[in-house]
Amino acid sequence: IVMGGFMFGPLAAFMLAGITALVEMVTVSGTGPWGMLMNWV
């Protein structure tokens, strides 16, 4: 995620963090929306 931010800027890093957190919530995470929020933050 931070490499994506290095290449395309801070907003890209923020978006990549959100996308990854969403995918993690619906796949490997068992903490639901709270876990997604924590991962995104």
PDB file of all heavy atoms in Angstrom:
ATOM      1  N   ILE A   1       0.828  -1.210   0.000  1.00  0.00           N
ATOM      2  CA  ILE A   1       0.000   0.000   0.000  1.00  0.00           C
ATOM      3  C   ILE A   1       0.860   1.256   0.000  1.00  0.00           C
ATOM      4  O   ILE A   1       0.607   2.207  -0.747  1.00  0.00           O
ATOM      5  CB  ILE A   1      -0.960  -0.009   1.209  1.00  0.00           C
ATOM      6  CG1 ILE A   1      -1.990  -1.132   1.050  1.00  0.00           C
ATOM      7  CG2 ILE A   1      -1.654   1.343   1.368  1.00  0.00           C
ATOM      8  CD1 ILE A   1      -2.853  -1.354   2.279  1.00  0.00           C
ATOM      9  N   VAL A   2       1.904   1.270   0.820  1.00  0.00           N
ATOM     10  CA  VAL A   2       2.757   2.463   0.879  1.00  0.00           C
ATOM     11  C   VAL A   2       3.554   2.631  -0.414  1.00  0.00           C
ATOM     12  O   VAL A   2       3.835   3.752  -0.842  1.00  0.00           O
ATOM     13  CB  VAL A   2       3.678   2.414   2.114  1.00  0.00           C
ATOM     14  CG1 VAL A   2       4.855   1.461   1.923  1.00  0.00           C
ATOM     15  CG2 VAL A   2       4.194   3.812   2.443  1.00  0.00           C
ATOM     16  N   MET A   3       3.890   1.530  -1.076  1.00  0.00           N
ATOM     17  CA  MET A   3       4.552   1.635  -2.375  1.00  0.00           C
ATOM     18  C   MET A   3       3.629   2.276  -3.405  1.00  0.00           C
ATOM     19  O   MET A   3       4.054   3.087  -4.231  1.00  0.00           O
ATOM     20  CB  MET A   3       5.013   0.254  -2.841  1.00  0.00           C
ATOM     21  CG  MET A   3       6.216  -0.274  -2.085  1.00  0.00           C
ATOM     22  SD  MET A   3       6.532  -2.029  -2.411  1.00  0.00           S
ATOM     23  CE  MET A   3       6.606  -2.056  -4.190  1.00  0.00           C
ATOM     24  N   GLY A   4       2.350   1.912  -3.361  1.00  0.00           N
ATOM     25  CA  GLY A   4       1.376   2.547  -4.238  1.00  0.00           C
ATOM     26  C   GLY A   4       1.285   4.037  -3.959  1.00  0.00           C
ATOM     27  O   GLY A   4       1.146   4.850  -4.880  1.00  0.00           O
ATOM     28  N   GLY A   5       1.378   4.396  -2.689  1.00  0.00           N
ATOM     29  CA  GLY A   5       1.386   5.804  -2.320  1.00  0.00           C
ATOM     30  C   GLY A   5       2.620   6.527  -2.824  1.00  0.00           C
ATOM     31  O   GLY A   5       2.539   7.685  -3.255  1.00  0.00           O
ATOM     32  N   PHE A   6       3.760   5.865  -2.773  1.00  0.00           N
ATOM     33  CA  PHE A   6       4.991   6.460  -3.299  1.00  0.00           C
ATOM     34  C   PHE A   6       4.861   6.738  -4.800  1.00  0.00           C
ATOM     35  O   PHE A   6       5.324   7.763  -5.292  1.00  0.00           O
ATOM     36  CB  PHE A   6       6.173   5.525  -3.053  1.00  0.00           C
ATOM     37  CG  PHE A   6       6.759   5.630  -1.677  1.00  0.00           C
ATOM     38  CD1 PHE A   6       6.219   6.467  -0.717  1.00  0.00           C
ATOM     39  CD2 PHE A   6       7.873   4.877  -1.329  1.00  0.00           C
ATOM     40  CE1 PHE A   6       6.763   6.568   0.554  1.00  0.00           C
ATOM     41  CE2 PHE A   6       8.442   4.974  -0.069  1.00  0.00           C
ATOM     42  CZ  PHE A   6       7.881   5.819   0.877  1.00  0.00           C
ATOM     43  N   MET A   7       4.244   5.824  -5.517  1.00  0.00           N
ATOM     44  CA  MET A   7       4.140   5.963  -6.970  1.00  0.00           C
ATOM     45  C   MET A   7       3.072   6.950  -7.398  1.00  0.00           C
ATOM     46  O   MET A   7       3.271   7.723  -8.340  1.00  0.00           O
ATOM     47  CB  MET A   7       3.875   4.592  -7.606  1.00  0.00           C
ATOM     48  CG  MET A   7       5.078   3.670  -7.613  1.00  0.00           C
ATOM     49  SD  MET A   7       4.799   2.167  -8.588  1.00  0.00           S
ATOM     50  CE  MET A   7       3.773   1.227  -7.486  1.00  0.00           C
ATOM     51  N   PHE A   8       1.920   6.949  -6.702  1.00  0.00           N
ATOM     52  CA  PHE A   8       0.780   7.714  -7.190  1.00  0.00           C
ATOM     53  C   PHE A   8       0.246   8.750  -6.212  1.00  0.00           C
ATOM     54  O   PHE A   8      -0.741   9.419  -6.521  1.00  0.00           O
ATOM     55  CB  PHE A   8      -0.345   6.760  -7.586  1.00  0.00           C
ATOM     56  CG  PHE A   8       0.039   5.826  -8.696  1.00  0.00           C
ATOM     57  CD1 PHE A   8       0.259   4.474  -8.448  1.00  0.00           C
ATOM     58  CD2 PHE A   8       0.211   6.292  -9.987  1.00  0.00           C
ATOM     59  CE1 PHE A   8       0.620   3.615  -9.466  1.00  0.00           C
ATOM     60  CE2 PHE A   8       0.571   5.439 -11.015  1.00  0.00           C
ATOM     61  CZ  PHE A   8       0.780   4.095 -10.763  1.00  0.00           C
ATOM     62  N   GLY A   9       0.854   8.873  -5.049  1.00  0.00           N
ATOM     63  CA  GLY A   9       0.466   9.935  -4.143  1.00  0.00           C
ATOM     64  C   GLY A   9      -0.362   9.490  -2.947  1.00  0.00           C
ATOM     65  O   GLY A   9      -0.833   8.353  -2.878  1.00  0.00           O
ATOM     66  N   PRO A  10      -0.567  10.407  -1.992  1.00  0.00           N
ATOM     67  CA  PRO A  10      -1.272  10.089  -0.743  1.00  0.00           C
ATOM     68  C   PRO A  10      -2.709   9.628  -0.928  1.00  0.00           C
ATOM     69  O   PRO A  10      -3.164   8.744  -0.221  1.00  0.00           O
ATOM     70  CB  PRO A  10      -1.221  11.414   0.031  1.00  0.00           C
ATOM     71  CG  PRO A  10      -0.095  12.175  -0.575  1.00  0.00           C
ATOM     72  CD  PRO A  10      -0.041  11.784  -2.003  1.00  0.00           C
ATOM     73  N   LEU A  11      -3.420  10.248  -1.868  1.00  0.00           N
ATOM     74  CA  LEU A  11      -4.814   9.850  -2.071  1.00  0.00           C
ATOM     75  C   LEU A  11      -4.902   8.412  -2.562  1.00  0.00           C
ATOM     76  O   LEU A  11      -5.797   7.652  -2.154  1.00  0.00           O
ATOM     77  CB  LEU A  11      -5.495  10.793  -3.068  1.00  0.00           C
ATOM     78  CG  LEU A  11      -6.986  10.555  -3.300  1.00  0.00           C
ATOM     79  CD1 LEU A  11      -7.757  10.617  -1.987  1.00  0.00           C
ATOM     80  CD2 LEU A  11      -7.549  11.563  -4.298  1.00  0.00           C
ATOM     81  N   ALA A  12      -3.978   8.016  -3.431  1.00  0.00           N
ATOM     82  CA  ALA A  12      -3.942   6.630  -3.906  1.00  0.00           C
ATOM     83  C   ALA A  12      -3.691   5.682  -2.738  1.00  0.00           C
ATOM     84  O   ALA A  12      -4.300   4.606  -2.661  1.00  0.00           O
ATOM     85  CB  ALA A  12      -2.860   6.461  -4.972  1.00  0.00           C
ATOM     86  N   ALA A  13      -2.797   6.063  -1.820  1.00  0.00           N
ATOM     87  CA  ALA A  13      -2.522   5.236  -0.641  1.00  0.00           C
ATOM     88  C   ALA A  13      -3.783   5.077   0.201  1.00  0.00           C
ATOM     89  O   ALA A  13      -4.090   3.979   0.688  1.00  0.00           O
ATOM     90  CB  ALA A  13      -1.399   5.864   0.185  1.00  0.00           C
ATOM     91  N   PHE A  14      -4.537   6.169   0.370  1.00  0.00           N
ATOM     92  CA  PHE A  14      -5.771   6.134   1.153  1.00  0.00           C
ATOM     93  C   PHE A  14      -6.793   5.200   0.511  1.00  0.00           C
ATOM     94  O   PHE A  14      -7.461   4.412   1.194  1.00  0.00           O
ATOM     95  CB  PHE A  14      -6.334   7.548   1.271  1.00  0.00           C
ATOM     96  CG  PHE A  14      -7.517   7.666   2.192  1.00  0.00           C
ATOM     97  CD1 PHE A  14      -7.341   7.686   3.564  1.00  0.00           C
ATOM     98  CD2 PHE A  14      -8.801   7.773   1.693  1.00  0.00           C
ATOM     99  CE1 PHE A  14      -8.426   7.805   4.432  1.00  0.00           C
ATOM    100  CE2 PHE A  14      -9.897   7.881   2.541  1.00  0.00           C
ATOM    101  CZ  PHE A  14      -9.702   7.905   3.906  1.00  0.00           C
ATOM    102  N   MET A  15      -6.911   5.282  -0.808  1.00  0.00           N
ATOM    103  CA  MET A  15      -7.867   4.430  -1.527  1.00  0.00           C
ATOM    104  C   MET A  15      -7.444   2.966  -1.503  1.00  0.00           C
ATOM    105  O   MET A  15      -8.280   2.077  -1.303  1.00  0.00           O
ATOM    106  CB  MET A  15      -7.997   4.919  -2.967  1.00  0.00           C
ATOM    107  CG  MET A  15      -8.630   6.300  -3.090  1.00  0.00           C
ATOM    108  SD  MET A  15      -8.574   6.947  -4.776  1.00  0.00           S
ATOM    109  CE  MET A  15      -9.537   5.708  -5.640  1.00  0.00           C
ATOM    110  N   LEU A  16      -6.154   2.700  -1.693  1.00  0.00           N
ATOM    111  CA  LEU A  16      -5.658   1.323  -1.632  1.00  0.00           C
ATOM    112  C   LEU A  16      -5.906   0.716  -0.256  1.00  0.00           C
ATOM    113  O   LEU A  16      -6.270  -0.450  -0.138  1.00  0.00           O
ATOM    114  CB  LEU A  16      -4.169   1.281  -1.969  1.00  0.00           C
ATOM    115  CG  LEU A  16      -3.780   1.443  -3.431  1.00  0.00           C
ATOM    116  CD1 LEU A  16      -2.261   1.586  -3.569  1.00  0.00           C
ATOM    117  CD2 LEU A  16      -4.272   0.255  -4.258  1.00  0.00           C
ATOM    118  N   ALA A  17      -5.708   1.529   0.788  1.00  0.00           N
ATOM    119  CA  ALA A  17      -5.956   1.054   2.151  1.00  0.00           C
ATOM    120  C   ALA A  17      -7.415   0.655   2.323  1.00  0.00           C
ATOM    121  O   ALA A  17      -7.730  -0.371   2.933  1.00  0.00           O
ATOM    122  CB  ALA A  17      -5.573   2.133   3.160  1.00  0.00           C
ATOM    123  N   GLY A  18      -8.335   1.463   1.770  1.00  0.00           N
ATOM    124  CA  GLY A  18      -9.754   1.161   1.888  1.00  0.00           C
ATOM    125  C   GLY A  18     -10.161  -0.076   1.111  1.00  0.00           C
ATOM    126  O   GLY A  18     -10.926  -0.909   1.609  1.00  0.00           O
ATOM    127  N   ILE A  19      -9.648  -0.205  -0.108  1.00  0.00           N
ATOM    128  CA  ILE A  19      -9.975  -1.370  -0.936  1.00  0.00           C
ATOM    129  C   ILE A  19      -9.496  -2.656  -0.265  1.00  0.00           C
ATOM    130  O   ILE A  19     -10.215  -3.650  -0.182  1.00  0.00           O
ATOM    131  CB  ILE A  19      -9.353  -1.231  -2.334  1.00  0.00           C
ATOM    132  CG1 ILE A  19     -10.020  -0.077  -3.102  1.00  0.00           C
ATOM    133  CG2 ILE A  19      -9.478  -2.530  -3.121  1.00  0.00           C
ATOM    134  CD1 ILE A  19      -9.297   0.298  -4.375  1.00  0.00           C
ATOM    135  N   THR A  20      -8.253  -2.625   0.223  1.00  0.00           N
ATOM    136  CA  THR A  20      -7.690  -3.809   0.869  1.00  0.00           C
ATOM    137  C   THR A  20      -8.451  -4.165   2.136  1.00  0.00           C
ATOM    138  O   THR A  20      -8.702  -5.344   2.415  1.00  0.00           O
ATOM    139  CB  THR A  20      -6.207  -3.577   1.195  1.00  0.00           C
ATOM    140  OG1 THR A  20      -5.519  -3.136   0.027  1.00  0.00           O
ATOM    141  CG2 THR A  20      -5.552  -4.850   1.706  1.00  0.00           C
ATOM    142  N   ALA A  21      -8.837  -3.157   2.914  1.00  0.00           N
ATOM    143  CA  ALA A  21      -9.602  -3.402   4.140  1.00  0.00           C
ATOM    144  C   ALA A  21     -10.953  -4.026   3.827  1.00  0.00           C
ATOM    145  O   ALA A  21     -11.421  -4.924   4.540  1.00  0.00           O
ATOM    146  CB  ALA A  21      -9.784  -2.090   4.904  1.00  0.00           C
ATOM    147  N   LEU A  22     -11.587  -3.572   2.743  1.00  0.00           N
ATOM    148  CA  LEU A  22     -12.886  -4.135   2.355  1.00  0.00           C
ATOM    149  C   LEU A  22     -12.753  -5.594   1.937  1.00  0.00           C
ATOM    150  O   LEU A  22     -13.539  -6.452   2.364  1.00  0.00           O
ATOM    151  CB  LEU A  22     -13.479  -3.321   1.206  1.00  0.00           C
ATOM    152  CG  LEU A  22     -14.804  -3.825   0.624  1.00  0.00           C
ATOM    153  CD1 LEU A  22     -15.897  -3.836   1.696  1.00  0.00           C
ATOM    154  CD2 LEU A  22     -15.235  -2.984  -0.565  1.00  0.00           C
ATOM    155  N   VAL A  23     -11.734  -5.891   1.128  1.00  0.00           N
ATOM    156  CA  VAL A  23     -11.516  -7.267   0.689  1.00  0.00           C
ATOM    157  C   VAL A  23     -11.189  -8.158   1.888  1.00  0.00           C
ATOM    158  O   VAL A  23     -11.679  -9.292   1.990  1.00  0.00           O
ATOM    159  CB  VAL A  23     -10.377  -7.335  -0.356  1.00  0.00           C
ATOM    160  CG1 VAL A  23     -10.024  -8.786  -0.687  1.00  0.00           C
ATOM    161  CG2 VAL A  23     -10.783  -6.592  -1.629  1.00  0.00           C
ATOM    162  N   GLU A  24     -10.391  -7.642   2.811  1.00  0.00           N
ATOM    163  CA  GLU A  24     -10.042  -8.428   3.998  1.00  0.00           C
ATOM    164  C   GLU A  24     -11.282  -8.738   4.827  1.00  0.00           C
ATOM    165  O   GLU A  24     -11.419  -9.842   5.374  1.00  0.00           O
ATOM    166  CB  GLU A  24      -9.006  -7.670   4.835  1.00  0.00           C
ATOM    167  CG  GLU A  24      -8.494  -8.451   6.021  1.00  0.00           C
ATOM    168  CD  GLU A  24      -7.259  -7.828   6.652  1.00  0.00           C
ATOM    169  OE1 GLU A  24      -6.827  -6.753   6.196  1.00  0.00           O
ATOM    170  OE2 GLU A  24      -6.733  -8.428   7.609  1.00  0.00           O
ATOM    171  N   MET A  25     -12.199  -7.778   4.921  1.00  0.00           N
ATOM    172  CA  MET A  25     -13.414  -7.987   5.709  1.00  0.00           C
ATOM    173  C   MET A  25     -14.251  -9.147   5.159  1.00  0.00           C
ATOM    174  O   MET A  25     -14.810  -9.937   5.929  1.00  0.00           O
ATOM    175  CB  MET A  25     -14.258  -6.711   5.727  1.00  0.00           C
ATOM    176  CG  MET A  25     -15.535  -6.848   6.558  1.00  0.00           C
ATOM    177  SD  MET A  25     -16.619  -5.401   6.473  1.00  0.00           S
ATOM    178  CE  MET A  25     -17.272  -5.577   4.805  1.00  0.00           C
ATOM    179  N   VAL A  26     -14.339  -9.254   3.834  1.00  0.00           N
ATOM    180  CA  VAL A  26     -15.207 -10.276   3.238  1.00  0.00           C
ATOM    181  C   VAL A  26     -14.466 -11.588   2.958  1.00  0.00           C
ATOM    182  O   VAL A  26     -15.067 -12.524   2.425  1.00  0.00           O
ATOM    183  CB  VAL A  26     -15.837  -9.753   1.926  1.00  0.00           C
ATOM    184  CG1 VAL A  26     -16.679  -8.520   2.206  1.00  0.00           C
ATOM    185  CG2 VAL A  26     -14.777  -9.442   0.881  1.00  0.00           C
ATOM    186  N   THR A  27     -13.195 -11.658   3.333  1.00  0.00           N
ATOM    187  CA  THR A  27     -12.443 -12.897   3.095  1.00  0.00           C
ATOM    188  C   THR A  27     -11.891 -13.482   4.387  1.00  0.00           C
ATOM    189  O   THR A  27     -12.499 -14.364   4.978  1.00  0.00           O
ATOM    190  CB  THR A  27     -11.309 -12.652   2.083  1.00  0.00           C
ATOM    191  OG1 THR A  27     -10.481 -11.559   2.532  1.00  0.00           O
ATOM    192  CG2 THR A  27     -11.855 -12.328   0.699  1.00  0.00           C
ATOM    193  N   VAL A  28     -10.757 -12.979   4.845  1.00  0.00           N
ATOM    194  CA  VAL A  28     -10.054 -13.635   5.952  1.00  0.00           C
ATOM    195  C   VAL A  28     -10.401 -13.087   7.330  1.00  0.00           C
ATOM    196  O   VAL A  28     -10.130 -13.725   8.335  1.00  0.00           O
ATOM    197  CB  VAL A  28      -8.518 -13.545   5.749  1.00  0.00           C
ATOM    198  CG1 VAL A  28      -8.113 -14.261   4.482  1.00  0.00           C
ATOM    199  CG2 VAL A  28      -8.052 -12.093   5.725  1.00  0.00           C
ATOM    200  N   SER A  29     -10.984 -11.889   7.387  1.00  0.00           N
ATOM    201  CA  SER A  29     -11.239 -11.275   8.685  1.00  0.00           C
ATOM    202  C   SER A  29     -12.556 -11.748   9.275  1.00  0.00           C
ATOM    203  O   SER A  29     -13.549 -11.936   8.554  1.00  0.00           O
ATOM    204  CB  SER A  29     -11.253  -9.745   8.562  1.00  0.00           C
ATOM    205  OG  SER A  29     -11.582  -9.142   9.806  1.00  0.00           O
ATOM    206  N   GLY A  30     -12.567 -11.912  10.581  1.00  0.00           N
ATOM    207  CA  GLY A  30     -13.793 -12.296  11.270  1.00  0.00           C
ATOM    208  C   GLY A  30     -14.319 -11.190  12.158  1.00  0.00           C
ATOM    209  O   GLY A  30     -15.193 -11.420  12.993  1.00  0.00           O
ATOM    210  N   THR A  31     -13.805  -9.972  11.990  1.00  0.00           N
ATOM    211  CA  THR A  31     -14.183  -8.868  12.868  1.00  0.00           C
ATOM    212  C   THR A  31     -15.181  -7.914  12.225  1.00  0.00           C
ATOM    213  O   THR A  31     -15.534  -6.900  12.825  1.00  0.00           O
ATOM    214  CB  THR A  31     -12.926  -8.074  13.282  1.00  0.00           C
ATOM    215  OG1 THR A  31     -12.198  -7.679  12.113  1.00  0.00           O
ATOM    216  CG2 THR A  31     -12.027  -8.911  14.168  1.00  0.00           C
ATOM    217  N   GLY A  32     -15.635  -8.208  11.021  1.00  0.00           N
ATOM    218  CA  GLY A  32     -16.703  -7.436  10.397  1.00  0.00           C
ATOM    219  C   GLY A  32     -16.336  -5.992  10.107  1.00  0.00           C
ATOM    220  O   GLY A  32     -15.169  -5.644   9.914  1.00  0.00           O
ATOM    221  N   PRO A  33     -17.358  -5.114  10.091  1.00  0.00           N
ATOM    222  CA  PRO A  33     -17.119  -3.705   9.764  1.00  0.00           C
ATOM    223  C   PRO A  33     -16.145  -3.017  10.709  1.00  0.00           C
ATOM    224  O   PRO A  33     -15.392  -2.135  10.287  1.00  0.00           O
ATOM    225  CB  PRO A  33     -18.522  -3.081   9.868  1.00  0.00           C
ATOM    226  CG  PRO A  33     -19.462  -4.215   9.627  1.00  0.00           C
ATOM    227  CD  PRO A  33     -18.795  -5.417  10.230  1.00  0.00           C
ATOM    228  N   TRP A  34     -16.164  -3.401  11.990  1.00  0.00           N
ATOM    229  CA  TRP A  34     -15.220  -2.795  12.925  1.00  0.00           C
ATOM    230  C   TRP A  34     -13.786  -3.135  12.537  1.00  0.00           C
ATOM    231  O   TRP A  34     -12.898  -2.280  12.587  1.00  0.00           O
ATOM    232  CB  TRP A  34     -15.501  -3.259  14.349  1.00  0.00           C
ATOM    233  CG  TRP A  34     -16.709  -2.646  14.964  1.00  0.00           C
ATOM    234  CD1 TRP A  34     -17.858  -3.283  15.328  1.00  0.00           C
ATOM    235  CD2 TRP A  34     -16.903  -1.269  15.279  1.00  0.00           C
ATOM    236  NE1 TRP A  34     -18.760  -2.395  15.842  1.00  0.00           N
ATOM    237  CE2 TRP A  34     -18.206  -1.150  15.837  1.00  0.00           C
ATOM    238  CE3 TRP A  34     -16.115  -0.122  15.149  1.00  0.00           C
ATOM    239  CZ2 TRP A  34     -18.721   0.080  16.261  1.00  0.00           C
ATOM    240  CZ3 TRP A  34     -16.631   1.100  15.566  1.00  0.00           C
ATOM    241  CH2 TRP A  34     -17.910   1.188  16.115  1.00  0.00           C
ATOM    242  N   GLY A  35     -13.568  -4.382  12.157  1.00  0.00           N
ATOM    243  CA  GLY A  35     -12.236  -4.776  11.723  1.00  0.00           C
ATOM    244  C   GLY A  35     -11.823  -4.057  10.448  1.00  0.00           C
ATOM    245  O   GLY A  35     -10.660  -3.648  10.289  1.00  0.00           O
ATOM    246  N   MET A  36     -12.778  -3.872   9.525  1.00  0.00           N
ATOM    247  CA  MET A  36     -12.481  -3.129   8.305  1.00  0.00           C
ATOM    248  C   MET A  36     -12.070  -1.703   8.632  1.00  0.00           C
ATOM    249  O   MET A  36     -11.103  -1.170   8.082  1.00  0.00           O
ATOM    250  CB  MET A  36     -13.707  -3.120   7.384  1.00  0.00           C
ATOM    251  CG  MET A  36     -13.512  -2.268   6.139  1.00  0.00           C
ATOM    252  SD  MET A  36     -15.031  -2.009   5.207  1.00  0.00           S
ATOM    253  CE  MET A  36     -14.493  -0.706   4.096  1.00  0.00           C
ATOM    254  N   LEU A  37     -12.818  -1.062   9.533  1.00  0.00           N
ATOM    255  CA  LEU A  37     -12.485   0.303   9.935  1.00  0.00           C
ATOM    256  C   LEU A  37     -11.079   0.377  10.531  1.00  0.00           C
ATOM    257  O   LEU A  37     -10.285   1.264  10.185  1.00  0.00           O
ATOM    258  CB  LEU A  37     -13.512   0.810  10.944  1.00  0.00           C
ATOM    259  CG  LEU A  37     -13.239   2.198  11.544  1.00  0.00           C
ATOM    260  CD1 LEU A  37     -13.293   3.262  10.457  1.00  0.00           C
ATOM    261  CD2 LEU A  37     -14.259   2.505  12.644  1.00  0.00           C
ATOM    262  N   MET A  38     -10.767  -0.562  11.408  1.00  0.00           N
ATOM    263  CA  MET A  38      -9.448  -0.581  12.037  1.00  0.00           C
ATOM    264  C   MET A  38      -8.347  -0.786  11.004  1.00  0.00           C
ATOM    265  O   MET A  38      -7.298  -0.117  11.048  1.00  0.00           O
ATOM    266  CB  MET A  38      -9.390  -1.691  13.082  1.00  0.00           C
ATOM    267  CG  MET A  38     -10.275  -1.468  14.284  1.00  0.00           C
ATOM    268  SD  MET A  38      -9.596  -0.289  15.455  1.00  0.00           S
ATOM    269  CE  MET A  38      -8.361  -1.319  16.248  1.00  0.00           C
ATOM    270  N   ASN A  39      -8.578  -1.701  10.067  1.00  0.00           N
ATOM    271  CA  ASN A  39      -7.569  -1.966   9.042  1.00  0.00           C
ATOM    272  C   ASN A  39      -7.374  -0.759   8.130  1.00  0.00           C
ATOM    273  O   ASN A  39      -6.243  -0.438   7.743  1.00  0.00           O
ATOM    274  CB  ASN A  39      -7.981  -3.196   8.217  1.00  0.00           C
ATOM    275  CG  ASN A  39      -7.797  -4.489   8.974  1.00  0.00           C
ATOM    276  OD1 ASN A  39      -6.845  -4.645   9.729  1.00  0.00           O
ATOM    277  ND2 ASN A  39      -8.709  -5.423   8.805  1.00  0.00           N
ATOM    278  N   TRP A  40      -8.469  -0.109   7.772  1.00  0.00           N
ATOM    279  CA  TRP A  40      -8.378   1.075   6.910  1.00  0.00           C
ATOM    280  C   TRP A  40      -7.621   2.198   7.615  1.00  0.00           C
ATOM    281  O   TRP A  40      -6.708   2.810   7.054  1.00  0.00           O
ATOM    282  CB  TRP A  40      -9.782   1.535   6.527  1.00  0.00           C
ATOM    283  CG  TRP A  40      -9.798   2.526   5.376  1.00  0.00           C
ATOM    284  CD1 TRP A  40      -8.729   3.216   4.860  1.00  0.00           C
ATOM    285  CD2 TRP A  40     -10.927   2.921   4.597  1.00  0.00           C
ATOM    286  NE1 TRP A  40      -9.126   4.016   3.809  1.00  0.00           N
ATOM    287  CE2 TRP A  40     -10.477   3.850   3.632  1.00  0.00           C
ATOM    288  CE3 TRP A  40     -12.282   2.578   4.633  1.00  0.00           C
ATOM    289  CZ2 TRP A  40     -11.333   4.451   2.707  1.00  0.00           C
ATOM    290  CZ3 TRP A  40     -13.133   3.170   3.705  1.00  0.00           C
ATOM    291  CH2 TRP A  40     -12.658   4.099   2.766  1.00  0.00           C
ATOM    292  N   VAL A  41      -7.987   2.450   8.863  1.00  0.00           N
ATOM    293  CA  VAL A  41      -7.333   3.522   9.620  1.00  0.00           C
ATOM    294  C   VAL A  41      -5.847   3.239   9.792  1.00  0.00           C
ATOM    295  O   VAL A  41      -4.999   4.119   9.592  1.00  0.00           O
ATOM    296  CB  VAL A  41      -8.012   3.706  10.992  1.00  0.00           C
ATOM    297  CG1 VAL A  41      -7.178   4.619  11.892  1.00  0.00           C
ATOM    298  CG2 VAL A  41      -9.411   4.288  10.821  1.00  0.00           C
TER     299      VAL A  41
END
